[in-house]
């Protein structure tokens, strides 16, 4: 099964990553990190550095299975995750229910709700 997983380094996204890798089987796993667009659709350079570090962390957690791809996106997290899922033709989108920090818990909790509503496939919400 082809699976897309949203990864932001939070505990919930780490659990989603590990579970998504198990569910993938012989399929393809796409790990997506989304940085917010700050001006005219461009990321803050600090977010770009953090994206690279987070995706490296995801690769280390997975041990880099053969059929794993990492994607950095910029924009609205829910929209970008749904778009990445559609582009990958994935059968499952896995996301953590809450992101990092107190503000992240509110904002990224809304991301999980939005992807559950808008995804073109089944969605796995991991607490």
N, C-alpha and C. Protein backbone atom coordinates (compact mmCIF):
# COMPACT_ATOMS: atom_id res chain seq x y z
N UNK A 1 0.85 -1.17 0.00
CA UNK A 1 0.00 0.00 0.00
C UNK A 1 0.89 1.24 0.00
N UNK A 2 0.57 2.23 -0.82
CA UNK A 2 1.30 3.49 -0.83
C UNK A 2 0.71 4.40 0.24
N UNK A 3 1.60 4.95 1.08
CA UNK A 3 1.19 5.75 2.22
C UNK A 3 1.95 7.07 2.23
N UNK A 4 1.24 8.15 2.56
CA UNK A 4 1.85 9.46 2.80
C UNK A 4 1.72 9.73 4.29
N UNK A 5 2.79 10.25 4.89
CA UNK A 5 2.74 10.60 6.31
C UNK A 5 3.24 12.02 6.49
N UNK A 6 2.48 12.81 7.25
CA UNK A 6 2.91 14.16 7.60
C UNK A 6 3.85 14.08 8.79
N UNK A 7 5.00 14.74 8.69
CA UNK A 7 6.01 14.65 9.75
C UNK A 7 6.48 16.04 10.15
N UNK A 8 6.32 16.37 11.45
CA UNK A 8 6.79 17.66 11.96
C UNK A 8 7.72 17.51 13.16
N UNK A 9 8.10 16.28 13.47
CA UNK A 9 9.01 16.05 14.59
C UNK A 9 8.32 15.89 15.94
N UNK A 10 7.01 16.10 16.00
CA UNK A 10 6.28 15.94 17.26
C UNK A 10 6.20 14.46 17.60
N UNK A 11 5.90 14.17 18.86
CA UNK A 11 5.77 12.77 19.28
C UNK A 11 4.68 12.06 18.47
N UNK A 12 3.56 12.75 18.25
CA UNK A 12 2.46 12.14 17.48
C UNK A 12 2.89 11.85 16.05
N UNK A 13 3.66 12.74 15.43
CA UNK A 13 4.09 12.49 14.05
C UNK A 13 5.14 11.39 13.99
N UNK A 14 5.94 11.23 15.04
CA UNK A 14 6.89 10.12 15.09
C UNK A 14 6.13 8.79 15.15
N UNK A 15 5.09 8.75 15.98
CA UNK A 15 4.28 7.52 16.06
C UNK A 15 3.59 7.25 14.72
N UNK A 16 3.09 8.30 14.08
CA UNK A 16 2.45 8.14 12.76
C UNK A 16 3.45 7.62 11.73
N UNK A 17 4.67 8.12 11.78
CA UNK A 17 5.72 7.69 10.85
C UNK A 17 6.02 6.21 11.00
N UNK A 18 6.21 5.77 12.23
CA UNK A 18 6.53 4.36 12.49
C UNK A 18 5.38 3.46 12.05
N UNK A 19 4.16 3.85 12.39
CA UNK A 19 2.99 3.05 12.01
C UNK A 19 2.80 3.03 10.50
N UNK A 20 2.97 4.18 9.86
CA UNK A 20 2.83 4.25 8.40
C UNK A 20 3.84 3.35 7.71
N UNK A 21 5.08 3.33 8.22
CA UNK A 21 6.11 2.47 7.63
C UNK A 21 5.71 1.00 7.73
N UNK A 22 5.12 0.62 8.84
CA UNK A 22 4.67 -0.77 9.01
C UNK A 22 3.53 -1.11 8.05
N UNK A 23 2.63 -0.16 7.85
CA UNK A 23 1.46 -0.40 7.00
C UNK A 23 1.81 -0.39 5.52
N UNK A 24 2.91 0.22 5.16
CA UNK A 24 3.30 0.34 3.76
C UNK A 24 3.58 -1.01 3.12
N UNK A 25 4.18 -1.91 3.87
CA UNK A 25 4.52 -3.22 3.30
C UNK A 25 5.45 -3.07 2.12
N UNK A 26 5.06 -3.59 0.96
CA UNK A 26 5.88 -3.47 -0.26
C UNK A 26 5.60 -2.19 -1.03
N UNK A 27 4.71 -1.35 -0.49
CA UNK A 27 4.35 -0.11 -1.17
C UNK A 27 5.39 0.98 -0.95
N UNK A 28 4.99 2.17 -1.28
CA UNK A 28 5.87 3.33 -1.20
C UNK A 28 5.44 4.22 -0.04
N UNK A 29 6.41 4.73 0.72
CA UNK A 29 6.15 5.65 1.81
C UNK A 29 6.67 7.03 1.42
N UNK A 30 5.81 8.02 1.50
CA UNK A 30 6.20 9.40 1.22
C UNK A 30 6.08 10.19 2.51
N UNK A 31 7.19 10.74 2.99
CA UNK A 31 7.23 11.53 4.22
C UNK A 31 7.21 13.00 3.83
N UNK A 32 6.21 13.73 4.31
CA UNK A 32 6.03 15.13 3.91
C UNK A 32 6.17 16.04 5.12
N UNK A 33 6.99 17.08 4.97
CA UNK A 33 7.09 18.13 5.97
C UNK A 33 6.68 19.44 5.31
N UNK A 34 5.82 20.19 5.99
CA UNK A 34 5.31 21.43 5.42
C UNK A 34 5.74 22.60 6.30
N UNK A 35 6.40 23.57 5.68
CA UNK A 35 6.76 24.82 6.36
C UNK A 35 5.73 25.87 5.98
N UNK A 36 5.39 26.74 6.92
CA UNK A 36 4.42 27.78 6.60
C UNK A 36 5.00 28.79 5.62
N UNK A 37 4.17 29.27 4.71
CA UNK A 37 4.59 30.33 3.79
C UNK A 37 4.44 31.66 4.52
N UNK A 38 5.49 32.44 4.54
CA UNK A 38 5.44 33.69 5.27
C UNK A 38 5.16 34.89 4.37
N UNK A 39 5.76 34.91 3.20
CA UNK A 39 5.54 36.03 2.28
C UNK A 39 5.48 35.51 0.85
N UNK A 40 4.39 35.78 0.22
CA UNK A 40 4.24 35.48 -1.21
C UNK A 40 4.57 34.02 -1.53
N UNK A 41 4.26 33.11 -0.61
CA UNK A 41 4.47 31.70 -0.85
C UNK A 41 5.88 31.20 -0.62
N UNK A 42 6.77 32.06 -0.11
CA UNK A 42 8.15 31.65 0.12
C UNK A 42 8.36 31.33 1.59
N UNK A 43 9.16 30.29 1.88
CA UNK A 43 9.40 29.94 3.28
C UNK A 43 10.43 30.84 3.92
N UNK A 44 10.35 30.94 5.22
CA UNK A 44 11.39 31.59 6.01
C UNK A 44 12.62 30.69 5.92
N UNK A 45 13.82 31.25 5.73
CA UNK A 45 15.02 30.40 5.63
C UNK A 45 15.23 29.51 6.87
N UNK A 46 14.80 29.97 8.04
CA UNK A 46 14.92 29.14 9.25
C UNK A 46 14.04 27.90 9.14
N UNK A 47 12.84 28.07 8.58
CA UNK A 47 11.97 26.91 8.40
C UNK A 47 12.56 25.95 7.39
N UNK A 48 13.21 26.47 6.36
CA UNK A 48 13.83 25.60 5.36
C UNK A 48 14.93 24.75 5.99
N UNK A 49 15.73 25.35 6.88
CA UNK A 49 16.76 24.58 7.57
C UNK A 49 16.13 23.53 8.48
N UNK A 50 15.07 23.91 9.17
CA UNK A 50 14.40 22.98 10.07
C UNK A 50 13.78 21.83 9.28
N UNK A 51 13.22 22.14 8.11
CA UNK A 51 12.63 21.08 7.28
C UNK A 51 13.66 20.01 6.94
N UNK A 52 14.83 20.43 6.52
CA UNK A 52 15.88 19.48 6.19
C UNK A 52 16.27 18.62 7.39
N UNK A 53 16.38 19.25 8.55
CA UNK A 53 16.74 18.51 9.77
C UNK A 53 15.64 17.53 10.15
N UNK A 54 14.39 17.94 10.03
CA UNK A 54 13.27 17.06 10.38
C UNK A 54 13.20 15.86 9.43
N UNK A 55 13.39 16.09 8.15
CA UNK A 55 13.34 14.98 7.20
C UNK A 55 14.54 14.04 7.39
N UNK A 56 15.69 14.58 7.77
CA UNK A 56 16.84 13.73 8.11
C UNK A 56 16.51 12.86 9.32
N UNK A 57 15.85 13.47 10.31
CA UNK A 57 15.45 12.73 11.51
C UNK A 57 14.48 11.59 11.14
N UNK A 58 13.54 11.88 10.25
CA UNK A 58 12.59 10.86 9.81
C UNK A 58 13.32 9.71 9.12
N UNK A 59 14.30 10.03 8.28
CA UNK A 59 15.08 8.99 7.61
C UNK A 59 15.82 8.11 8.62
N UNK A 60 16.39 8.75 9.66
CA UNK A 60 17.09 7.98 10.68
C UNK A 60 16.13 7.07 11.44
N UNK A 61 14.95 7.57 11.76
CA UNK A 61 13.97 6.75 12.47
C UNK A 61 13.54 5.54 11.65
N UNK A 62 13.45 5.72 10.35
CA UNK A 62 13.00 4.64 9.46
C UNK A 62 14.12 3.69 9.05
N UNK A 63 15.35 4.14 9.15
CA UNK A 63 16.43 3.33 8.62
C UNK A 63 16.47 3.37 7.11
N UNK A 64 15.77 4.35 6.52
CA UNK A 64 15.73 4.59 5.06
C UNK A 64 15.36 3.34 4.27
N UNK A 65 14.12 2.87 4.41
CA UNK A 65 13.68 1.76 3.56
C UNK A 65 13.79 2.14 2.07
N UNK A 66 13.89 1.15 1.23
CA UNK A 66 14.15 1.36 -0.20
C UNK A 66 13.08 2.21 -0.87
N UNK A 67 11.83 2.04 -0.51
CA UNK A 67 10.76 2.75 -1.22
C UNK A 67 10.23 3.93 -0.39
N UNK A 68 11.15 4.75 0.10
CA UNK A 68 10.78 5.93 0.88
C UNK A 68 11.22 7.18 0.16
N UNK A 69 10.33 8.15 0.11
CA UNK A 69 10.62 9.44 -0.50
C UNK A 69 10.32 10.51 0.54
N UNK A 70 11.12 11.56 0.57
CA UNK A 70 10.83 12.69 1.45
C UNK A 70 10.50 13.91 0.60
N UNK A 71 9.53 14.68 1.09
CA UNK A 71 9.06 15.85 0.36
C UNK A 71 8.99 17.04 1.30
N UNK A 72 9.56 18.16 0.88
CA UNK A 72 9.43 19.42 1.60
C UNK A 72 8.43 20.27 0.84
N UNK A 73 7.46 20.81 1.56
CA UNK A 73 6.45 21.67 0.93
C UNK A 73 6.35 22.96 1.73
N UNK A 74 5.79 23.97 1.10
CA UNK A 74 5.59 25.26 1.74
C UNK A 74 4.15 25.67 1.54
N UNK A 75 3.48 26.09 2.61
CA UNK A 75 2.11 26.56 2.50
C UNK A 75 1.26 26.07 3.65
N UNK A 76 -0.03 25.95 3.40
CA UNK A 76 -0.98 25.46 4.38
C UNK A 76 -0.76 23.96 4.54
N UNK A 77 -0.52 23.51 5.77
CA UNK A 77 -0.15 22.11 6.01
C UNK A 77 -1.22 21.15 5.50
N UNK A 78 -2.47 21.39 5.83
CA UNK A 78 -3.54 20.47 5.41
C UNK A 78 -3.61 20.40 3.88
N UNK A 79 -3.61 21.53 3.23
CA UNK A 79 -3.69 21.57 1.77
C UNK A 79 -2.51 20.84 1.14
N UNK A 80 -1.30 21.12 1.63
CA UNK A 80 -0.11 20.50 1.05
C UNK A 80 -0.09 18.99 1.27
N UNK A 81 -0.55 18.53 2.44
CA UNK A 81 -0.61 17.09 2.69
C UNK A 81 -1.62 16.40 1.76
N UNK A 82 -2.77 17.03 1.59
CA UNK A 82 -3.79 16.47 0.69
C UNK A 82 -3.26 16.44 -0.75
N UNK A 83 -2.59 17.51 -1.17
CA UNK A 83 -2.03 17.56 -2.53
C UNK A 83 -0.94 16.50 -2.72
N UNK A 84 -0.08 16.34 -1.73
CA UNK A 84 0.98 15.34 -1.83
C UNK A 84 0.40 13.94 -1.89
N UNK A 85 -0.69 13.71 -1.16
CA UNK A 85 -1.35 12.41 -1.16
C UNK A 85 -1.95 12.12 -2.53
N UNK A 86 -2.61 13.11 -3.10
CA UNK A 86 -3.19 12.94 -4.43
C UNK A 86 -2.10 12.71 -5.47
N UNK A 87 -1.01 13.48 -5.39
CA UNK A 87 0.08 13.35 -6.36
C UNK A 87 0.73 11.97 -6.27
N UNK A 88 0.82 11.43 -5.07
CA UNK A 88 1.45 10.11 -4.88
C UNK A 88 0.50 8.97 -5.22
N UNK A 89 -0.79 9.27 -5.37
CA UNK A 89 -1.77 8.22 -5.60
C UNK A 89 -1.86 7.27 -4.42
N UNK A 90 -1.61 7.79 -3.22
CA UNK A 90 -1.56 6.96 -2.01
C UNK A 90 -2.95 6.48 -1.60
N UNK A 91 -2.96 5.33 -0.96
CA UNK A 91 -4.20 4.77 -0.45
C UNK A 91 -4.46 5.17 1.00
N UNK A 92 -3.45 5.79 1.66
CA UNK A 92 -3.58 6.17 3.06
C UNK A 92 -2.74 7.41 3.34
N UNK A 93 -3.31 8.32 4.14
CA UNK A 93 -2.59 9.48 4.65
C UNK A 93 -2.57 9.37 6.16
N UNK A 94 -1.38 9.34 6.76
CA UNK A 94 -1.24 9.24 8.20
C UNK A 94 -0.70 10.54 8.77
N UNK A 95 -1.35 11.04 9.82
CA UNK A 95 -0.89 12.26 10.49
C UNK A 95 -1.08 12.11 11.99
N UNK A 96 -0.25 12.82 12.74
CA UNK A 96 -0.44 12.90 14.18
C UNK A 96 -1.60 13.83 14.47
N UNK A 97 -2.25 13.59 15.59
CA UNK A 97 -3.41 14.43 15.92
C UNK A 97 -3.03 15.78 16.46
N UNK A 98 -1.82 15.91 16.98
CA UNK A 98 -1.37 17.19 17.53
C UNK A 98 0.08 17.42 17.19
N UNK A 99 0.40 18.68 16.93
CA UNK A 99 1.77 19.02 16.58
C UNK A 99 2.57 19.44 17.79
N UNK A 100 3.60 20.21 17.54
CA UNK A 100 4.54 20.60 18.59
C UNK A 100 4.08 21.83 19.35
N UNK A 101 4.22 21.80 20.66
CA UNK A 101 3.98 22.97 21.50
C UNK A 101 2.51 23.28 21.71
N UNK A 102 2.25 24.20 22.63
CA UNK A 102 0.87 24.55 22.99
C UNK A 102 0.12 25.16 21.80
N UNK A 103 0.75 26.10 21.12
CA UNK A 103 0.10 26.69 19.94
C UNK A 103 0.00 25.64 18.84
N UNK A 104 1.05 24.85 18.65
CA UNK A 104 1.04 23.79 17.64
C UNK A 104 -0.06 22.79 17.87
N UNK A 105 -0.36 22.51 19.14
CA UNK A 105 -1.44 21.55 19.42
C UNK A 105 -2.76 22.05 18.86
N UNK A 106 -3.01 23.34 19.00
CA UNK A 106 -4.26 23.88 18.47
C UNK A 106 -4.22 23.92 16.95
N UNK A 107 -3.17 24.51 16.40
CA UNK A 107 -3.09 24.71 14.96
C UNK A 107 -3.01 23.37 14.22
N UNK A 108 -2.11 22.49 14.65
CA UNK A 108 -1.94 21.25 13.92
C UNK A 108 -3.04 20.26 14.23
N UNK A 109 -3.75 20.42 15.38
CA UNK A 109 -4.94 19.62 15.61
C UNK A 109 -5.97 19.92 14.54
N UNK A 110 -6.03 21.18 14.13
CA UNK A 110 -6.96 21.55 13.07
C UNK A 110 -6.50 21.00 11.72
N UNK A 111 -5.19 20.78 11.55
CA UNK A 111 -4.68 20.17 10.32
C UNK A 111 -5.20 18.74 10.20
N UNK A 112 -5.15 17.99 11.30
CA UNK A 112 -5.63 16.61 11.23
C UNK A 112 -7.11 16.56 10.89
N UNK A 113 -7.88 17.49 11.42
CA UNK A 113 -9.31 17.54 11.08
C UNK A 113 -9.51 17.89 9.61
N UNK A 114 -8.74 18.83 9.10
CA UNK A 114 -8.88 19.25 7.71
C UNK A 114 -8.48 18.13 6.74
N UNK A 115 -7.40 17.41 7.03
CA UNK A 115 -7.03 16.33 6.11
C UNK A 115 -8.03 15.19 6.17
N UNK A 116 -8.60 14.96 7.36
CA UNK A 116 -9.64 13.92 7.46
C UNK A 116 -10.84 14.26 6.59
N UNK A 117 -11.13 15.53 6.48
CA UNK A 117 -12.26 15.99 5.67
C UNK A 117 -11.94 16.01 4.17
N UNK A 118 -10.71 16.38 3.79
CA UNK A 118 -10.40 16.68 2.40
C UNK A 118 -9.55 15.64 1.66
N UNK A 119 -8.98 14.69 2.36
CA UNK A 119 -8.07 13.74 1.70
C UNK A 119 -8.79 12.87 0.69
N UNK A 120 -8.09 12.50 -0.39
CA UNK A 120 -8.68 11.67 -1.44
C UNK A 120 -8.63 10.17 -1.12
N UNK A 121 -8.28 9.84 0.13
CA UNK A 121 -8.14 8.44 0.52
C UNK A 121 -8.46 8.32 2.01
N UNK A 122 -8.26 7.14 2.55
CA UNK A 122 -8.44 6.93 3.98
C UNK A 122 -7.38 7.71 4.74
N UNK A 123 -7.74 8.13 5.95
CA UNK A 123 -6.83 8.91 6.80
C UNK A 123 -6.67 8.19 8.13
N UNK A 124 -5.43 8.08 8.57
CA UNK A 124 -5.11 7.51 9.87
C UNK A 124 -4.65 8.63 10.78
N UNK A 125 -5.42 8.88 11.85
CA UNK A 125 -5.06 9.91 12.83
C UNK A 125 -4.41 9.22 14.02
N UNK A 126 -3.18 9.59 14.32
CA UNK A 126 -2.41 8.93 15.36
C UNK A 126 -2.21 9.89 16.53
N UNK A 127 -2.70 9.52 17.73
CA UNK A 127 -2.54 10.41 18.89
C UNK A 127 -1.11 10.42 19.41
